[in-house]
Protein backbone atom coordinates (compact mmCIF):
# COMPACT_ATOMS: atom_id res chain seq x y z
CA MET A 1 -31.92 -57.14 94.02
CA ASP A 2 -31.32 -60.93 93.98
CA MET A 3 -31.06 -60.94 90.19
CA GLN A 4 -28.58 -58.05 90.39
CA THR A 5 -26.45 -59.79 93.03
CA SER A 6 -26.50 -63.17 91.29
CA PHE A 7 -25.44 -61.65 87.94
CA LEU A 8 -22.69 -59.70 89.75
CA ASP A 9 -21.51 -62.91 91.47
CA ARG A 10 -21.38 -64.71 88.12
CA LEU A 11 -19.36 -61.84 86.62
CA PHE A 12 -16.89 -62.08 89.53
CA GLU A 13 -16.69 -65.90 89.32
CA SER A 14 -16.01 -65.78 85.58
CA GLY A 15 -13.33 -63.11 86.13
CA LEU A 16 -15.02 -60.66 83.74
CA LEU A 17 -15.34 -58.16 86.60
CA ILE A 18 -12.86 -57.94 89.49
CA ASP A 19 -14.12 -57.24 93.01
CA THR A 20 -12.39 -54.30 94.74
CA GLY A 21 -14.44 -54.45 97.94
CA ILE A 22 -16.40 -51.30 96.96
CA ASP A 23 -19.86 -51.56 95.38
CA GLY A 24 -19.79 -50.10 91.88
CA LEU A 25 -15.98 -49.98 91.62
CA TYR A 26 -14.69 -52.91 89.59
CA GLY A 27 -11.68 -54.07 87.67
CA ARG A 28 -12.31 -55.49 84.19
CA SER A 29 -10.73 -58.48 82.48
CA GLY A 30 -9.05 -58.39 79.08
CA GLN A 31 -12.10 -60.14 77.62
CA PHE A 32 -14.46 -57.47 79.02
CA GLU A 33 -12.23 -54.74 77.58
CA ASP A 34 -12.12 -56.51 74.22
CA VAL A 35 -15.94 -56.40 74.02
CA ILE A 36 -15.94 -52.66 74.80
CA ALA A 37 -13.22 -52.01 72.19
CA ALA A 38 -15.20 -53.99 69.60
CA PHE A 39 -18.39 -52.07 70.36
CA GLU A 40 -16.52 -48.76 70.09
CA ARG A 41 -15.37 -49.81 66.61
CA LEU A 42 -19.03 -50.45 65.77
CA ILE A 43 -19.86 -46.91 66.98
CA ASP A 44 -17.12 -45.63 64.66
CA THR A 45 -18.62 -47.61 61.77
CA PHE A 46 -21.98 -45.89 62.26
CA GLY A 47 -20.71 -42.41 63.15
CA GLY A 48 -17.27 -42.17 61.54
CA ALA A 49 -18.43 -40.69 58.23
CA ASP A 50 -20.06 -37.73 60.06
CA GLY A 51 -16.61 -36.17 60.49
CA ALA A 52 -16.75 -35.43 64.23
CA GLU A 53 -13.69 -33.84 65.85
CA ALA A 54 -12.33 -36.34 68.39
CA MET A 55 -11.24 -35.15 71.84
CA ARG A 56 -10.32 -37.16 74.93
CA PHE A 57 -10.42 -35.51 78.36
CA PRO A 58 -9.18 -37.09 81.61
CA PRO A 59 -11.68 -38.28 84.24
CA GLY A 60 -11.10 -35.10 86.25
CA MET A 61 -12.14 -31.58 85.24
CA ASN A 62 -11.50 -27.96 86.21
CA ARG A 63 -13.48 -27.25 89.40
CA ALA A 64 -14.34 -23.69 88.26
CA PHE A 65 -15.95 -25.09 85.08
CA PHE A 66 -17.78 -27.71 87.14
CA GLU A 67 -19.15 -24.99 89.46
CA LYS A 68 -20.27 -22.87 86.52
CA SER A 69 -22.00 -25.86 84.90
CA GLY A 70 -24.69 -25.87 87.62
CA TYR A 71 -24.23 -29.60 88.28
CA MET A 72 -24.38 -29.07 92.07
CA LYS A 73 -27.76 -27.39 91.72
CA SER A 74 -29.26 -30.45 90.08
CA PHE A 75 -27.22 -33.49 91.17
CA PRO A 76 -25.27 -32.78 94.40
CA GLN A 77 -25.83 -36.41 95.49
CA LEU A 78 -23.83 -37.76 92.51
CA ALA A 79 -20.82 -35.41 92.52
CA GLY A 80 -17.29 -36.43 93.45
CA THR A 81 -14.54 -33.98 94.40
CA VAL A 82 -10.79 -34.55 94.71
CA HIS A 83 -9.26 -33.66 98.10
CA SER A 84 -5.59 -33.73 99.11
CA PHE A 85 -3.39 -33.25 102.15
CA CYS A 86 -2.16 -29.64 102.22
CA GLY A 87 -0.87 -29.43 105.81
CA SER A 88 2.42 -28.97 107.68
CA GLU A 89 4.76 -31.61 109.11
CA LEU A 90 2.90 -31.35 112.39
CA ASP A 91 -0.42 -31.96 110.59
CA HIS A 92 1.18 -34.97 108.93
CA VAL A 93 2.14 -36.43 112.31
CA SER A 94 -1.44 -36.10 113.59
CA LEU A 95 -2.79 -37.59 110.33
CA LEU A 96 -0.60 -40.68 110.82
CA GLN A 97 -1.69 -40.92 114.46
CA CYS A 98 -5.34 -40.85 113.37
CA MET A 99 -4.68 -43.63 110.86
CA GLU A 100 -2.88 -45.70 113.46
CA VAL A 101 -5.79 -45.68 115.92
CA GLY A 102 -8.45 -46.00 113.23
CA GLU A 103 -9.83 -42.46 113.52
CA ASP A 104 -10.95 -40.29 110.59
CA TRP A 105 -7.74 -39.10 108.94
CA THR A 106 -9.55 -37.31 106.11
CA LYS A 107 -10.86 -34.28 108.02
CA GLY A 108 -7.68 -32.29 107.34
CA GLN A 109 -7.94 -32.86 103.58
CA GLU A 110 -8.66 -29.81 101.42
CA ALA A 111 -10.52 -29.56 98.11
CA THR A 112 -8.22 -29.30 95.08
CA ASP A 113 -9.01 -27.55 91.79
CA ILE A 114 -10.07 -30.88 90.27
CA VAL A 115 -13.47 -32.60 90.45
CA LEU A 116 -14.34 -35.99 88.98
CA THR A 117 -15.95 -35.67 85.55
CA PRO A 118 -19.70 -36.40 85.83
CA ALA A 119 -20.33 -36.75 82.05
CA ALA A 120 -17.92 -36.89 79.13
CA CYS A 121 -19.25 -33.68 77.57
CA TYR A 122 -18.81 -31.36 80.59
CA PRO A 123 -15.24 -30.22 79.75
CA LEU A 124 -16.16 -29.75 76.08
CA TYR A 125 -18.44 -26.69 76.32
CA PRO A 126 -15.94 -24.24 77.89
CA THR A 127 -13.23 -25.59 75.55
CA ILE A 128 -15.29 -24.81 72.43
CA ALA A 129 -16.52 -21.47 73.80
CA LYS A 130 -12.87 -20.32 74.04
CA ARG A 131 -12.51 -20.75 70.27
CA GLY A 132 -15.10 -18.05 69.49
CA ASN A 133 -18.12 -18.36 67.22
CA LEU A 134 -18.88 -21.74 65.70
CA PRO A 135 -18.73 -22.05 61.90
CA LYS A 136 -21.96 -21.90 59.88
CA THR A 137 -22.12 -25.71 59.86
CA GLY A 138 -22.02 -25.79 63.69
CA GLY A 139 -19.82 -28.31 65.49
CA LEU A 140 -19.71 -32.08 65.99
CA PHE A 141 -17.48 -33.70 68.62
CA ASP A 142 -16.56 -37.27 69.55
CA LEU A 143 -15.73 -37.82 73.24
CA GLN A 144 -14.92 -40.70 75.56
CA SER A 145 -14.11 -40.53 79.26
CA TYR A 146 -14.33 -42.31 82.55
CA CYS A 147 -17.10 -40.58 84.55
CA PHE A 148 -17.95 -40.65 88.25
CA ARG A 149 -21.35 -40.77 89.93
CA HIS A 150 -21.66 -41.46 93.64
CA GLU A 151 -24.35 -44.13 93.73
CA PRO A 152 -22.95 -47.33 95.28
CA SER A 153 -25.06 -50.33 94.23
CA LYS A 154 -24.97 -54.12 93.91
CA ASP A 155 -26.36 -53.69 90.40
CA PRO A 156 -23.35 -54.31 88.11
CA ALA A 157 -24.98 -51.97 85.57
CA ARG A 158 -24.86 -49.07 88.06
CA GLN A 159 -21.17 -48.39 88.53
CA GLN A 160 -19.56 -45.42 90.25
CA LEU A 161 -16.67 -45.12 87.76
CA PHE A 162 -17.65 -46.02 84.21
CA ARG A 163 -16.95 -45.02 80.63
CA MET A 164 -19.17 -42.87 78.49
CA ARG A 165 -18.73 -42.42 74.74
CA GLU A 166 -20.49 -39.35 73.41
CA TYR A 167 -21.19 -37.40 70.28
CA VAL A 168 -22.10 -33.75 70.90
CA CYS A 169 -23.68 -31.59 68.22
CA MET A 170 -23.83 -27.77 68.29
CA GLY A 171 -25.84 -25.72 65.82
CA THR A 172 -29.38 -24.54 65.12
CA GLU A 173 -32.40 -26.19 66.76
CA LEU A 174 -33.24 -28.08 63.56
CA HIS A 175 -29.63 -29.17 63.04
CA VAL A 176 -29.20 -30.65 66.53
CA THR A 177 -32.66 -32.26 66.78
CA ASP A 178 -32.07 -33.94 63.40
CA PHE A 179 -28.73 -35.21 64.77
CA ARG A 180 -30.50 -36.63 67.83
CA GLN A 181 -33.18 -38.39 65.76
CA ARG A 182 -30.54 -39.85 63.42
CA TRP A 183 -28.73 -41.40 66.39
CA MET A 184 -31.96 -42.76 67.89
CA ASP A 185 -32.48 -44.63 64.61
CA ARG A 186 -28.84 -45.73 64.51
CA GLY A 187 -28.96 -46.88 68.13
CA VAL A 188 -31.79 -49.30 67.42
CA GLU A 189 -30.00 -50.54 64.28
CA MET A 190 -26.69 -51.05 66.14
CA MET A 191 -28.28 -53.02 68.97
CA LYS A 192 -30.19 -55.16 66.45
CA ALA A 193 -26.84 -55.96 64.77
CA VAL A 194 -25.51 -57.32 68.09
CA GLY A 195 -28.69 -59.26 68.89
CA LEU A 196 -30.13 -57.02 71.62
CA GLU A 197 -33.84 -56.25 71.97
CA VAL A 198 -34.38 -52.62 72.92
CA THR A 199 -37.07 -50.05 73.61
CA ILE A 200 -36.73 -46.27 73.42
CA ASP A 201 -38.65 -44.23 75.95
CA VAL A 202 -38.88 -40.64 77.18
CA ALA A 203 -36.86 -40.15 80.36
CA ASN A 204 -35.59 -37.66 82.93
CA ASP A 205 -32.36 -37.09 84.84
CA PRO A 206 -32.22 -37.89 88.60
CA PHE A 207 -32.65 -34.27 89.75
CA PHE A 208 -32.26 -33.74 93.50
CA GLY A 209 -34.95 -32.69 95.98
CA ARG A 210 -38.45 -31.25 95.62
CA ALA A 211 -37.47 -28.66 93.01
CA GLY A 212 -35.88 -31.55 91.12
CA LYS A 213 -39.29 -33.22 90.69
CA MET A 214 -40.49 -30.16 88.76
CA LEU A 215 -37.35 -30.15 86.60
CA ALA A 216 -37.79 -33.86 85.87
CA ASN A 217 -41.46 -33.38 84.89
CA ASN A 218 -40.53 -30.45 82.68
CA GLN A 219 -37.79 -32.49 80.98
CA ARG A 220 -40.25 -35.29 80.23
CA ASP A 221 -43.06 -32.99 79.10
CA GLN A 222 -40.77 -31.37 76.53
CA ASN A 223 -39.29 -34.70 75.33
CA LEU A 224 -35.78 -33.39 76.02
CA LYS A 225 -34.37 -36.80 77.00
CA PHE A 226 -34.90 -40.26 75.55
CA GLU A 227 -33.19 -43.47 76.62
CA LEU A 228 -32.51 -46.72 74.83
CA LEU A 229 -33.40 -49.44 77.35
CA ILE A 230 -32.16 -53.03 77.51
CA PRO A 231 -33.08 -55.55 80.24
CA ILE A 232 -29.90 -56.53 82.13
CA THR A 233 -30.77 -57.34 85.75
CA SER A 234 -34.52 -56.77 85.49
CA ALA A 235 -37.09 -57.22 82.73
CA ALA A 236 -39.50 -54.88 84.55
CA ASN A 237 -36.89 -52.12 84.94
CA PRO A 238 -34.62 -52.28 81.88
CA THR A 239 -31.31 -50.40 81.99
CA ALA A 240 -30.59 -47.20 80.04
CA CYS A 241 -27.65 -48.08 77.77
CA MET A 242 -27.85 -45.02 75.51
CA SER A 243 -29.32 -41.56 76.06
CA PHE A 244 -30.35 -38.91 73.55
CA ASN A 245 -30.49 -35.41 75.00
CA TYR A 246 -31.59 -32.06 73.60
CA HIS A 247 -30.39 -29.19 75.81
CA GLN A 248 -32.17 -26.44 73.82
CA ASP A 249 -29.97 -23.31 74.16
CA ALA A 250 -29.18 -23.91 77.87
CA PHE A 251 -25.48 -24.76 77.41
CA GLY A 252 -25.14 -22.27 74.56
CA THR A 253 -26.35 -19.48 76.87
CA LYS A 254 -24.36 -20.66 79.90
CA TRP A 255 -21.03 -21.00 78.08
CA GLY A 256 -21.44 -18.31 75.42
CA LEU A 257 -21.56 -20.72 72.49
CA ASN A 258 -22.64 -18.73 69.44
CA LEU A 259 -23.13 -19.50 65.79
CA GLU A 260 -21.47 -17.55 62.96
CA ASP A 261 -24.35 -15.04 62.86
CA GLY A 262 -24.06 -14.40 66.63
CA SER A 263 -27.19 -16.36 67.59
CA VAL A 264 -26.96 -18.72 70.58
CA ALA A 265 -26.14 -22.32 69.64
CA HIS A 266 -28.46 -25.17 70.53
CA THR A 267 -26.82 -28.43 71.63
CA ALA A 268 -27.69 -32.12 71.73
CA CYS A 269 -25.74 -35.21 72.67
CA VAL A 270 -25.94 -38.97 72.37
CA GLY A 271 -24.26 -41.01 75.09
CA PHE A 272 -23.27 -44.69 75.15
CA GLY A 273 -22.81 -46.38 78.54
CA LEU A 274 -19.98 -48.67 77.46
CA GLU A 275 -19.90 -50.95 80.53
CA ARG A 276 -23.69 -51.26 80.42
CA ILE A 277 -23.66 -52.26 76.76
CA ALA A 278 -20.95 -54.86 77.45
CA LEU A 279 -23.00 -56.18 80.41
CA ALA A 280 -26.12 -56.37 78.22
CA LEU A 281 -24.17 -58.45 75.69
CA PHE A 282 -22.83 -60.81 78.39
CA HIS A 283 -26.27 -61.10 79.99
CA HIS A 284 -28.07 -61.92 76.73
CA HIS A 285 -25.44 -64.00 74.93
CA GLY A 286 -23.63 -65.66 77.84
CA LEU A 287 -20.36 -65.10 79.68
CA ASP A 288 -18.24 -66.98 77.12
CA VAL A 289 -17.75 -64.78 74.05
CA LYS A 290 -16.73 -67.82 71.98
CA GLN A 291 -20.29 -69.14 72.36
CA TRP A 292 -21.99 -65.95 71.16
CA PRO A 293 -24.11 -66.18 67.96
CA ALA A 294 -22.01 -65.97 64.80
CA SER A 295 -23.95 -62.92 63.59
CA VAL A 296 -23.11 -61.01 66.80
CA ARG A 297 -19.43 -61.98 66.63
CA LYS A 298 -19.34 -60.89 62.99
CA ALA A 299 -20.91 -57.51 63.81
CA LEU A 300 -18.33 -56.91 66.55
CA TRP A 301 -15.17 -58.56 65.22
CA GLY A 302 -15.80 -58.84 61.48
């Protein structure tokens, strides 16, 4: 925890991150954003020739799609919903009175039709399902979005609102598992280009509760999730900066994603935690970008 706090303090002091008074909710400086933009261009260099269809969704998604996704079954502790005031003038008066005396003014708020996006790919599946059957070649999509996960922490690498860049592949089992392996190889190569030592390991999602332990074990046993790990605030517990996920036909079945011949599509995705990658670069190469090794600067800025 001390290493996490001291790195966070240094990021605040240098102005790279801006304290908002909420753990895991930070402003970013122009320099921090420039590093993320440069790394995204590197992603494009590696993935651009694949011909993915780019889509950009806002950080909020349709609540009905969110409910259908099953996210609340697995990760209720991470979800964020958007509530608004929907009352009368009288309700408004009592709301202001509550605020004035420091009482809870939020209890009259009602859930809207928007929830905060938990992962960049969540709005994609219903969108593609609406188009009908996928072509014979399947589908490949390039996404980037702010995402929300409710896990306040002093660890600067565990933010509540953060950006995720993703490629999602839809097709046959062989097609999507090949895609995943290709990106595991590329991930190692990309991080080597920017001077970061990494390991790749089998992983599981933070499923909730006792039933969640079984789901997590199952996910690991079947090698459905791998993570690319880089030490940021702890050498013993390195941070997942990329993840490589094979969903089998779970999303295909749930959303009615079918291939040209009518068979259910398999899906896989690769995700980049953009803030985490930027933090890994600052941690390993120093807080002043001008002092970074020439080879790293060349890989990022040419």
